[in-house]
């Protein structure tokens, strides 16, 4: 009984240490892979299988090197193959069900927000103020009426400003960061940083769609959809619900 309890505690300790090492060390080494805004079901599957494989390998090494003292490369390969083969189907099923759950949640949320949009033509008071978006290069700027901005997109070290001029959609590219642009526009509540790479004019949102990856904002007169960061889902709902 004591031997079994000790083995169980050992496997539990190895599993815990393995999870800590993987889920703290690897994201620190490769943060880009774990970027929430680029996270996909495929990455979720891959990372789950890496966890399963690593935990299985560490437990096998613990058993063969510490307990049985009978390590074999062929047995290790068989054990890992079996572990992956057994886990791949339940992992796939769980992720598939989670994908369906998220798709349903975001589709339902988008339907509610679209009803709000239909009831109110403007989410914020109409803003005719003239604003100036300044670039980093000398004499590089765009003067524009606040509500004529459709959205602003980060593109490397530049920003793309999509806006209306005499009912025509135009684009201006300035050398500037989106963070600095956000500060320039902070007095205008309808211009909302909805994503790491986007600022959107909430008064120019036509409809909202939702799928397993999150919400997308359809801008009036444009084919390009603006994504919403998952961490801002609650805030985008509040923005749409808090109409004048």
C-alpha atoms as a PDB file:
ATOM      1  CA  UNK A   1       0.000   0.000   0.000  1.00  0.00           C
ATOM      2  CA  UNK A   2       2.737   2.449   0.926  1.00  0.00           C
ATOM      3  CA  UNK A   3       4.675   1.557  -2.246  1.00  0.00           C
ATOM      4  CA  UNK A   4       1.597   2.173  -4.407  1.00  0.00           C
ATOM      5  CA  UNK A   5       0.903   5.474  -2.641  1.00  0.00           C
ATOM      6  CA  UNK A   6       4.495   6.537  -3.223  1.00  0.00           C
ATOM      7  CA  UNK A   7       4.290   5.653  -6.924  1.00  0.00           C
ATOM      8  CA  UNK A   8       1.028   7.558  -7.293  1.00  0.00           C
ATOM      9  CA  UNK A   9       2.497  10.617  -5.567  1.00  0.00           C
ATOM     10  CA  UNK A  10       5.564  10.371  -7.792  1.00  0.00           C
ATOM     11  CA  UNK A  11       3.514  10.258 -10.994  1.00  0.00           C
ATOM     12  CA  UNK A  12       1.432  13.189  -9.735  1.00  0.00           C
ATOM     13  CA  UNK A  13       4.548  15.214  -8.948  1.00  0.00           C
ATOM     14  CA  UNK A  14       6.123  14.445 -12.347  1.00  0.00           C
ATOM     15  CA  UNK A  15       2.889  15.421 -14.129  1.00  0.00           C
ATOM     16  CA  UNK A  16       2.679  18.712 -12.194  1.00  0.00           C
ATOM     17  CA  UNK A  17       6.321  19.607 -12.839  1.00  0.00           C
ATOM     18  CA  UNK A  18       5.957  18.723 -16.536  1.00  0.00           C
ATOM     19  CA  UNK A  19       2.926  20.994 -16.909  1.00  0.00           C
ATOM     20  CA  UNK A  20       4.655  23.863 -15.096  1.00  0.00           C
ATOM     21  CA  UNK A  21       7.786  23.543 -17.244  1.00  0.00           C
ATOM     22  CA  UNK A  22       5.809  23.417 -20.499  1.00  0.00           C
ATOM     23  CA  UNK A  23       3.233  26.085 -19.767  1.00  0.00           C
ATOM     24  CA  UNK A  24       5.574  28.613 -18.197  1.00  0.00           C
ATOM     25  CA  UNK A  25       8.884  28.045 -19.953  1.00  0.00           C
ATOM     26  CA  UNK A  26       7.752  27.491 -23.557  1.00  0.00           C
ATOM     27  CA  UNK A  27       5.397  30.535 -23.741  1.00  0.00           C
ATOM     28  CA  UNK A  28       8.276  32.617 -22.357  1.00  0.00           C
ATOM     29  CA  UNK A  29      10.652  31.288 -25.028  1.00  0.00           C
ATOM     30  CA  UNK A  30       8.144  31.582 -27.898  1.00  0.00           C
ATOM     31  CA  UNK A  31       5.448  34.139 -26.992  1.00  0.00           C
ATOM     32  CA  UNK A  32       4.448  34.675 -30.639  1.00  0.00           C
ATOM     33  CA  UNK A  33       3.051  31.146 -30.905  1.00  0.00           C
ATOM     34  CA  UNK A  34       0.734  31.782 -27.945  1.00  0.00           C
ATOM     35  CA  UNK A  35      -0.534  35.178 -29.131  1.00  0.00           C
ATOM     36  CA  UNK A  36      -4.218  35.179 -28.147  1.00  0.00           C
ATOM     37  CA  UNK A  37      -5.229  37.067 -31.272  1.00  0.00           C
ATOM     38  CA  UNK A  38      -3.566  34.468 -33.518  1.00  0.00           C
ATOM     39  CA  UNK A  39      -4.649  31.423 -31.525  1.00  0.00           C
ATOM     40  CA  UNK A  40      -6.491  28.769 -33.544  1.00  0.00           C
ATOM     41  CA  UNK A  41      -8.067  25.371 -32.942  1.00  0.00           C
ATOM     42  CA  UNK A  42      -5.125  23.828 -34.809  1.00  0.00           C
ATOM     43  CA  UNK A  43      -2.665  25.423 -32.368  1.00  0.00           C
ATOM     44  CA  UNK A  44      -4.843  24.316 -29.453  1.00  0.00           C
ATOM     45  CA  UNK A  45      -4.750  20.724 -30.737  1.00  0.00           C
ATOM     46  CA  UNK A  46      -0.988  20.791 -31.313  1.00  0.00           C
ATOM     47  CA  UNK A  47      -0.250  22.274 -27.897  1.00  0.00           C
ATOM     48  CA  UNK A  48      -2.550  19.791 -26.125  1.00  0.00           C
ATOM     49  CA  UNK A  49      -0.832  16.869 -27.865  1.00  0.00           C
ATOM     50  CA  UNK A  50       2.603  18.277 -26.915  1.00  0.00           C
ATOM     51  CA  UNK A  51       1.445  18.380 -23.275  1.00  0.00           C
ATOM     52  CA  UNK A  52       0.100  14.830 -23.413  1.00  0.00           C
ATOM     53  CA  UNK A  53       3.280  13.508 -25.077  1.00  0.00           C
ATOM     54  CA  UNK A  54       5.681  15.318 -22.747  1.00  0.00           C
ATOM     55  CA  UNK A  55       3.807  14.285 -19.588  1.00  0.00           C
ATOM     56  CA  UNK A  56       3.663  10.693 -20.862  1.00  0.00           C
ATOM     57  CA  UNK A  57       7.393  10.656 -21.617  1.00  0.00           C
ATOM     58  CA  UNK A  58       8.340  12.114 -18.223  1.00  0.00           C
ATOM     59  CA  UNK A  59       6.185   9.573 -16.402  1.00  0.00           C
ATOM     60  CA  UNK A  60       7.682   6.736 -18.446  1.00  0.00           C
ATOM     61  CA  UNK A  61      11.208   7.911 -17.607  1.00  0.00           C
ATOM     62  CA  UNK A  62      10.252   8.187 -13.924  1.00  0.00           C
ATOM     63  CA  UNK A  63       8.901   4.641 -13.906  1.00  0.00           C
ATOM     64  CA  UNK A  64      11.727   2.987 -15.830  1.00  0.00           C
ATOM     65  CA  UNK A  65      14.681   4.896 -14.369  1.00  0.00           C
ATOM     66  CA  UNK A  66      13.545   5.280 -10.745  1.00  0.00           C
ATOM     67  CA  UNK A  67      11.115   2.424 -10.079  1.00  0.00           C
ATOM     68  CA  UNK A  68      11.685  -0.526 -12.439  1.00  0.00           C
ATOM     69  CA  UNK A  69      15.248   0.453 -13.466  1.00  0.00           C
ATOM     70  CA  UNK A  70      14.688  -1.219 -16.827  1.00  0.00           C
ATOM     71  CA  UNK A  71      14.814   1.498 -19.507  1.00  0.00           C
ATOM     72  CA  UNK A  72      14.436   0.587 -23.186  1.00  0.00           C
ATOM     73  CA  UNK A  73      14.329   2.897 -26.216  1.00  0.00           C
ATOM     74  CA  UNK A  74      11.981   0.559 -28.079  1.00  0.00           C
ATOM     75  CA  UNK A  75       9.645   0.411 -25.083  1.00  0.00           C
ATOM     76  CA  UNK A  76       9.803   4.205 -24.776  1.00  0.00           C
ATOM     77  CA  UNK A  77       8.869   4.578 -28.451  1.00  0.00           C
ATOM     78  CA  UNK A  78       5.999   2.093 -28.053  1.00  0.00           C
ATOM     79  CA  UNK A  79       4.764   3.871 -24.930  1.00  0.00           C
ATOM     80  CA  UNK A  80       4.804   7.299 -26.611  1.00  0.00           C
ATOM     81  CA  UNK A  81       3.106   5.989 -29.752  1.00  0.00           C
ATOM     82  CA  UNK A  82       0.397   4.372 -27.643  1.00  0.00           C
ATOM     83  CA  UNK A  83      -0.091   7.518 -25.567  1.00  0.00           C
ATOM     84  CA  UNK A  84      -0.518   9.698 -28.668  1.00  0.00           C
ATOM     85  CA  UNK A  85      -2.740   7.134 -30.383  1.00  0.00           C
ATOM     86  CA  UNK A  86      -5.037   6.788 -27.375  1.00  0.00           C
ATOM     87  CA  UNK A  87      -5.304  10.525 -26.676  1.00  0.00           C
ATOM     88  CA  UNK A  88      -5.693  11.891 -30.205  1.00  0.00           C
ATOM     89  CA  UNK A  89      -9.376  10.974 -30.501  1.00  0.00           C
ATOM     90  CA  UNK A  90     -10.656  12.300 -27.151  1.00  0.00           C
ATOM     91  CA  UNK A  91      -8.559  15.473 -27.580  1.00  0.00           C
ATOM     92  CA  UNK A  92     -10.002  16.001 -31.072  1.00  0.00           C
ATOM     93  CA  UNK A  93     -13.534  15.422 -29.786  1.00  0.00           C
ATOM     94  CA  UNK A  94     -13.143  17.861 -26.877  1.00  0.00           C
ATOM     95  CA  UNK A  95     -11.706  20.582 -29.143  1.00  0.00           C
ATOM     96  CA  UNK A  96     -14.444  19.987 -31.727  1.00  0.00           C
ATOM     97  CA  UNK A  97     -17.146  20.373 -29.067  1.00  0.00           C
ATOM     98  CA  UNK A  98     -15.442  23.510 -27.759  1.00  0.00           C
ATOM     99  CA  UNK A  99     -15.373  24.901 -31.324  1.00  0.00           C
ATOM    100  CA  UNK A 100     -19.128  24.281 -31.655  1.00  0.00           C
ATOM    101  CA  UNK A 101     -19.756  25.899 -28.273  1.00  0.00           C
ATOM    102  CA  UNK A 102     -17.794  29.030 -29.200  1.00  0.00           C
ATOM    103  CA  UNK A 103     -19.450  29.250 -32.623  1.00  0.00           C
ATOM    104  CA  UNK A 104     -22.885  29.117 -30.991  1.00  0.00           C
ATOM    105  CA  UNK A 105     -21.918  31.675 -28.337  1.00  0.00           C
ATOM    106  CA  UNK A 106     -20.517  34.203 -30.814  1.00  0.00           C
ATOM    107  CA  UNK A 107     -23.345  33.712 -33.303  1.00  0.00           C
ATOM    108  CA  UNK A 108     -25.904  34.360 -30.568  1.00  0.00           C
ATOM    109  CA  UNK A 109     -23.978  37.384 -29.308  1.00  0.00           C
ATOM    110  CA  UNK A 110     -23.748  38.860 -32.806  1.00  0.00           C
ATOM    111  CA  UNK A 111     -27.514  38.469 -33.334  1.00  0.00           C
ATOM    112  CA  UNK A 112     -28.230  40.433 -30.157  1.00  0.00           C
ATOM    113  CA  UNK A 113     -25.774  43.185 -31.094  1.00  0.00           C
ATOM    114  CA  UNK A 114     -27.178  43.428 -34.625  1.00  0.00           C
ATOM    115  CA  UNK A 115     -30.642  44.085 -33.157  1.00  0.00           C
ATOM    116  CA  UNK A 116     -29.111  46.950 -31.181  1.00  0.00           C
ATOM    117  CA  UNK A 117     -27.468  48.296 -34.341  1.00  0.00           C
ATOM    118  CA  UNK A 118     -30.773  48.276 -36.236  1.00  0.00           C
ATOM    119  CA  UNK A 119     -32.460  50.288 -33.506  1.00  0.00           C
ATOM    120  CA  UNK A 120     -29.811  53.000 -33.417  1.00  0.00           C
ATOM    121  CA  UNK A 121     -28.133  54.453 -36.490  1.00  0.00           C
ATOM    122  CA  UNK A 122     -25.274  55.896 -34.385  1.00  0.00           C
ATOM    123  CA  UNK A 123     -23.759  54.217 -31.360  1.00  0.00           C
ATOM    124  CA  UNK A 124     -22.168  57.490 -30.259  1.00  0.00           C
ATOM    125  CA  UNK A 125     -23.214  61.120 -30.840  1.00  0.00           C
ATOM    126  CA  UNK A 126     -22.338  62.306 -34.343  1.00  0.00           C
ATOM    127  CA  UNK A 127     -18.908  63.885 -34.242  1.00  0.00           C
ATOM    128  CA  UNK A 128     -18.142  66.610 -36.824  1.00  0.00           C
ATOM    129  CA  UNK A 129     -14.941  67.758 -35.103  1.00  0.00           C
ATOM    130  CA  UNK A 130     -11.921  68.199 -37.347  1.00  0.00           C
ATOM    131  CA  UNK A 131      -9.043  66.059 -36.131  1.00  0.00           C
ATOM    132  CA  UNK A 132      -5.440  65.803 -37.252  1.00  0.00           C
ATOM    133  CA  UNK A 133      -3.634  62.472 -37.427  1.00  0.00           C
ATOM    134  CA  UNK A 134       0.086  63.180 -37.534  1.00  0.00           C
ATOM    135  CA  UNK A 135       2.727  60.908 -39.014  1.00  0.00           C
ATOM    136  CA  UNK A 136       6.298  60.583 -37.810  1.00  0.00           C
ATOM    137  CA  UNK A 137       7.695  62.105 -40.992  1.00  0.00           C
ATOM    138  CA  UNK A 138       7.780  65.893 -41.268  1.00  0.00           C
ATOM    139  CA  UNK A 139       4.680  67.521 -42.794  1.00  0.00           C
ATOM    140  CA  UNK A 140       2.950  64.137 -42.926  1.00  0.00           C
ATOM    141  CA  UNK A 141      -0.588  64.388 -41.581  1.00  0.00           C
ATOM    142  CA  UNK A 142      -4.250  63.912 -42.391  1.00  0.00           C
ATOM    143  CA  UNK A 143      -6.919  66.415 -41.371  1.00  0.00           C
ATOM    144  CA  UNK A 144     -10.349  64.846 -41.355  1.00  0.00           C
ATOM    145  CA  UNK A 145     -13.770  64.992 -39.765  1.00  0.00           C
ATOM    146  CA  UNK A 146     -13.865  62.446 -36.940  1.00  0.00           C
ATOM    147  CA  UNK A 147     -16.929  60.567 -38.155  1.00  0.00           C
ATOM    148  CA  UNK A 148     -15.528  60.268 -41.673  1.00  0.00           C
ATOM    149  CA  UNK A 149     -12.968  57.746 -40.414  1.00  0.00           C
ATOM    150  CA  UNK A 150     -14.029  54.157 -41.129  1.00  0.00           C
ATOM    151  CA  UNK A 151     -11.169  52.288 -39.494  1.00  0.00           C
ATOM    152  CA  UNK A 152      -7.418  52.516 -38.999  1.00  0.00           C
ATOM    153  CA  UNK A 153      -5.195  49.479 -39.470  1.00  0.00           C
ATOM    154  CA  UNK A 154      -1.628  48.883 -38.322  1.00  0.00           C
ATOM    155  CA  UNK A 155       0.713  47.695 -41.079  1.00  0.00           C
ATOM    156  CA  UNK A 156       4.304  47.168 -39.914  1.00  0.00           C
ATOM    157  CA  UNK A 157       5.586  50.642 -38.967  1.00  0.00           C
ATOM    158  CA  UNK A 158       2.720  52.381 -40.757  1.00  0.00           C
ATOM    159  CA  UNK A 159      -0.984  52.923 -40.320  1.00  0.00           C
ATOM    160  CA  UNK A 160      -3.635  52.707 -43.030  1.00  0.00           C
ATOM    161  CA  UNK A 161      -6.442  55.220 -42.513  1.00  0.00           C
ATOM    162  CA  UNK A 162      -9.599  54.232 -44.365  1.00  0.00           C
ATOM    163  CA  UNK A 163     -12.005  57.154 -44.542  1.00  0.00           C
ATOM    164  CA  UNK A 164     -14.789  58.861 -46.481  1.00  0.00           C
ATOM    165  CA  UNK A 165     -14.271  61.895 -48.660  1.00  0.00           C
ATOM    166  CA  UNK A 166     -17.304  63.167 -50.606  1.00  0.00           C
ATOM    167  CA  UNK A 167     -18.978  59.762 -50.153  1.00  0.00           C
ATOM    168  CA  UNK A 168     -15.918  58.025 -51.654  1.00  0.00           C
ATOM    169  CA  UNK A 169     -13.835  55.575 -49.633  1.00  0.00           C
ATOM    170  CA  UNK A 170     -10.155  56.524 -49.594  1.00  0.00           C
ATOM    171  CA  UNK A 171      -6.991  55.276 -47.910  1.00  0.00           C
ATOM    172  CA  UNK A 172      -4.068  57.278 -46.524  1.00  0.00           C
ATOM    173  CA  UNK A 173      -0.844  55.642 -45.315  1.00  0.00           C
ATOM    174  CA  UNK A 174       1.227  57.387 -42.637  1.00  0.00           C
ATOM    175  CA  UNK A 175       4.390  56.349 -40.838  1.00  0.00           C
ATOM    176  CA  UNK A 176       3.044  56.035 -37.307  1.00  0.00           C
ATOM    177  CA  UNK A 177       2.210  53.472 -34.615  1.00  0.00           C
ATOM    178  CA  UNK A 178      -1.351  52.528 -33.792  1.00  0.00           C
ATOM    179  CA  UNK A 179      -0.681  53.163 -30.122  1.00  0.00           C
ATOM    180  CA  UNK A 180       0.363  56.782 -30.774  1.00  0.00           C
ATOM    181  CA  UNK A 181      -2.654  57.210 -33.067  1.00  0.00           C
ATOM    182  CA  UNK A 182      -4.958  55.923 -30.340  1.00  0.00           C
ATOM    183  CA  UNK A 183      -3.633  58.616 -28.005  1.00  0.00           C
ATOM    184  CA  UNK A 184      -4.312  61.314 -30.652  1.00  0.00           C
ATOM    185  CA  UNK A 185      -7.913  60.114 -30.932  1.00  0.00           C
ATOM    186  CA  UNK A 186      -8.690  59.459 -27.273  1.00  0.00           C
ATOM    187  CA  UNK A 187     -11.119  62.417 -27.040  1.00  0.00           C
ATOM    188  CA  UNK A 188     -13.404  60.778 -29.631  1.00  0.00           C
ATOM    189  CA  UNK A 189     -15.295  57.950 -27.951  1.00  0.00           C
ATOM    190  CA  UNK A 190     -16.649  56.447 -31.183  1.00  0.00           C
ATOM    191  CA  UNK A 191     -13.078  55.603 -32.304  1.00  0.00           C
ATOM    192  CA  UNK A 192     -12.418  52.372 -30.465  1.00  0.00           C
ATOM    193  CA  UNK A 193      -9.290  50.190 -30.318  1.00  0.00           C
ATOM    194  CA  UNK A 194     -11.038  46.848 -30.859  1.00  0.00           C
ATOM    195  CA  UNK A 195      -7.943  44.826 -31.739  1.00  0.00           C
ATOM    196  CA  UNK A 196      -4.176  45.025 -31.490  1.00  0.00           C
ATOM    197  CA  UNK A 197      -4.065  46.050 -35.159  1.00  0.00           C
ATOM    198  CA  UNK A 198      -7.315  48.032 -35.549  1.00  0.00           C
ATOM    199  CA  UNK A 199      -9.106  51.171 -34.438  1.00  0.00           C
ATOM    200  CA  UNK A 200     -12.694  51.249 -35.658  1.00  0.00           C
ATOM    201  CA  UNK A 201     -15.326  53.987 -35.872  1.00  0.00           C
ATOM    202  CA  UNK A 202     -18.258  52.400 -34.034  1.00  0.00           C
ATOM    203  CA  UNK A 203     -20.649  54.765 -35.867  1.00  0.00           C
ATOM    204  CA  UNK A 204     -19.574  53.188 -39.171  1.00  0.00           C
ATOM    205  CA  UNK A 205     -20.279  49.584 -38.132  1.00  0.00           C
ATOM    206  CA  UNK A 206     -22.986  48.103 -40.337  1.00  0.00           C
ATOM    207  CA  UNK A 207     -23.363  44.560 -39.003  1.00  0.00           C
ATOM    208  CA  UNK A 208     -21.551  42.138 -36.717  1.00  0.00           C
ATOM    209  CA  UNK A 209     -20.840  38.482 -37.426  1.00  0.00           C
ATOM    210  CA  UNK A 210     -19.625  35.821 -35.018  1.00  0.00           C
ATOM    211  CA  UNK A 211     -17.975  32.437 -35.383  1.00  0.00           C
ATOM    212  CA  UNK A 212     -15.727  30.193 -33.282  1.00  0.00           C
ATOM    213  CA  UNK A 213     -12.826  32.647 -33.706  1.00  0.00           C
ATOM    214  CA  UNK A 214     -14.781  35.604 -32.305  1.00  0.00           C
ATOM    215  CA  UNK A 215     -16.582  38.709 -33.594  1.00  0.00           C
ATOM    216  CA  UNK A 216     -16.055  40.541 -36.887  1.00  0.00           C
ATOM    217  CA  UNK A 217     -17.288  44.089 -37.597  1.00  0.00           C
ATOM    218  CA  UNK A 218     -18.652  44.812 -41.081  1.00  0.00           C
ATOM    219  CA  UNK A 219     -17.934  48.439 -41.982  1.00  0.00           C
ATOM    220  CA  UNK A 220     -20.430  50.368 -44.113  1.00  0.00           C
ATOM    221  CA  UNK A 221     -19.531  50.190 -47.791  1.00  0.00           C
ATOM    222  CA  UNK A 222     -16.478  47.961 -47.279  1.00  0.00           C
ATOM    223  CA  UNK A 223     -15.787  44.282 -47.902  1.00  0.00           C
ATOM    224  CA  UNK A 224     -13.014  44.030 -45.302  1.00  0.00           C
ATOM    225  CA  UNK A 225     -14.154  42.917 -41.857  1.00  0.00           C
ATOM    226  CA  UNK A 226     -12.513  44.277 -38.722  1.00  0.00           C
ATOM    227  CA  UNK A 227     -11.737  41.622 -36.073  1.00  0.00           C
ATOM    228  CA  UNK A 228     -12.392  42.063 -32.363  1.00  0.00           C
ATOM    229  CA  UNK A 229      -9.901  40.738 -29.819  1.00  0.00           C
ATOM    230  CA  UNK A 230     -11.457  38.035 -27.671  1.00  0.00           C
ATOM    231  CA  UNK A 231     -10.370  39.890 -24.534  1.00  0.00           C
ATOM    232  CA  UNK A 232     -12.484  42.859 -25.725  1.00  0.00           C
ATOM    233  CA  UNK A 233     -15.678  40.883 -26.398  1.00  0.00           C
ATOM    234  CA  UNK A 234     -17.332  42.193 -23.248  1.00  0.00           C
ATOM    235  CA  UNK A 235     -16.307  45.778 -23.976  1.00  0.00           C
ATOM    236  CA  UNK A 236     -17.631  45.691 -27.570  1.00  0.00           C
ATOM    237  CA  UNK A 237     -20.984  44.450 -26.239  1.00  0.00           C
ATOM    238  CA  UNK A 238     -21.052  47.277 -23.709  1.00  0.00           C
ATOM    239  CA  UNK A 239     -20.251  49.829 -26.413  1.00  0.00           C
ATOM    240  CA  UNK A 240     -23.129  48.674 -28.566  1.00  0.00           C
ATOM    241  CA  UNK A 241     -25.573  48.396 -25.671  1.00  0.00           C
ATOM    242  CA  UNK A 242     -24.653  51.868 -24.299  1.00  0.00           C
ATOM    243  CA  UNK A 243     -26.304  53.815 -27.117  1.00  0.00           C
ATOM    244  CA  UNK A 244     -27.351  57.446 -26.672  1.00  0.00           C
END
